[in-house]
Protein backbone atom coordinates (compact mmCIF):
# COMPACT_ATOMS: atom_id res chain seq x y z
CA MET A 1 85.19 -156.27 52.54
CA SER A 2 88.74 -156.61 53.90
CA LYS A 3 88.13 -153.68 56.26
CA MET A 4 85.33 -155.69 57.84
CA ILE A 5 87.52 -158.72 58.61
CA ILE A 6 89.56 -158.36 61.79
CA PRO A 7 92.06 -160.75 63.39
CA CYS A 8 91.21 -162.56 66.63
CA GLU A 9 93.51 -160.32 68.70
CA GLU A 10 91.62 -157.22 67.59
CA ALA A 11 88.28 -158.96 68.09
CA ASN A 12 89.19 -159.80 71.68
CA HIS A 13 90.30 -156.21 72.28
CA VAL A 14 87.00 -154.88 70.90
CA CYS A 15 85.13 -157.40 73.05
CA ASP A 16 86.89 -155.99 76.12
CA LYS A 17 86.13 -152.43 75.04
CA THR A 18 82.48 -153.33 74.47
CA GLN A 19 82.17 -154.58 78.05
CA TYR A 20 83.21 -151.18 79.34
CA LYS A 21 81.08 -149.29 76.80
CA GLU A 22 84.19 -147.92 75.04
CA ALA A 23 83.76 -149.55 71.61
CA THR A 24 82.49 -147.56 68.65
CA LEU A 25 79.55 -148.70 66.56
CA TRP A 26 81.92 -149.61 63.70
CA GLU A 27 84.06 -151.74 66.06
CA LYS A 28 80.96 -153.55 67.32
CA ILE A 29 79.84 -154.28 63.76
CA LYS A 30 83.26 -155.70 62.86
CA LEU A 31 83.28 -157.76 66.06
CA ASN A 32 79.87 -159.24 65.33
CA ILE A 33 80.94 -160.18 61.80
CA HIS A 34 84.06 -161.83 63.24
CA LEU A 35 81.98 -163.76 65.79
CA ILE A 36 79.89 -165.26 62.99
CA TYR A 37 82.82 -167.34 61.78
CA CYS A 38 85.18 -167.60 64.77
CA ARG A 39 84.26 -170.14 67.43
CA ALA A 40 87.24 -169.27 69.67
CA CYS A 41 86.27 -165.60 69.86
CA ARG A 42 82.62 -166.47 70.50
CA LYS A 43 83.82 -168.51 73.49
CA TYR A 44 86.08 -165.65 74.64
CA THR A 45 83.14 -163.23 74.39
CA ALA A 46 80.83 -165.59 76.31
CA ASN A 47 83.42 -166.08 79.06
CA ASN A 48 84.01 -162.33 79.27
CA SER A 49 80.27 -161.74 79.67
CA LYS A 50 80.02 -164.37 82.42
CA LEU A 51 82.96 -162.83 84.27
CA THR A 52 81.43 -159.35 84.07
CA LYS A 53 78.09 -160.61 85.43
CA VAL A 54 79.77 -162.45 88.32
CA ILE A 55 81.81 -159.40 89.27
CA LYS A 56 78.76 -157.12 89.15
CA LYS A 57 76.77 -159.54 91.34
CA SER A 58 79.52 -159.90 93.95
CA ASP A 59 79.59 -157.66 96.98
CA VAL A 60 83.34 -157.21 96.99
CA GLU A 61 84.56 -154.22 98.94
CA CYS A 62 87.98 -152.80 98.19
CA LEU A 63 90.35 -151.41 100.78
CA ASP A 64 90.80 -147.67 100.80
CA LYS A 65 94.16 -146.22 99.82
CA THR A 66 95.28 -145.21 103.33
CA TYR A 67 94.70 -148.74 104.66
CA LYS A 68 96.56 -150.27 101.68
CA ASP A 69 99.48 -147.88 102.23
CA ALA A 70 99.63 -148.80 105.93
CA MET A 71 99.62 -152.51 105.05
CA LYS A 72 102.43 -151.96 102.54
CA LYS A 73 104.56 -150.16 105.14
CA ASP A 74 103.96 -152.93 107.68
CA PHE A 75 104.88 -155.55 105.07
CA GLU A 76 108.08 -153.75 104.08
CA LYS A 77 109.04 -153.37 107.76
CA ALA A 78 108.45 -157.07 108.41
CA LEU A 79 110.39 -157.99 105.28
CA LYS A 80 113.39 -155.94 106.44
CA GLU A 81 113.30 -157.58 109.87
CA VAL A 82 113.27 -161.06 108.34
CA SER A 83 116.06 -160.34 105.88
CA ASN A 84 118.41 -158.95 108.58
């Protein structure tokens, strides 16, 4: 039975892995057993699920790498000018 009991830190890690479909069946079983008796991890899991849903629903567009690189160069140039 001791192999079925996991600490909160491991449970939170498995919760994160589960969100990204990286957890094994055995990890999911251990997580669910842990969630039966741990209120804090149930709350962590619920908050993680909410965050994932919000992010999936949002229409956030990320900058492409070339634009980010150009912004970084401009920032570094401006920073040098200010520090001189």
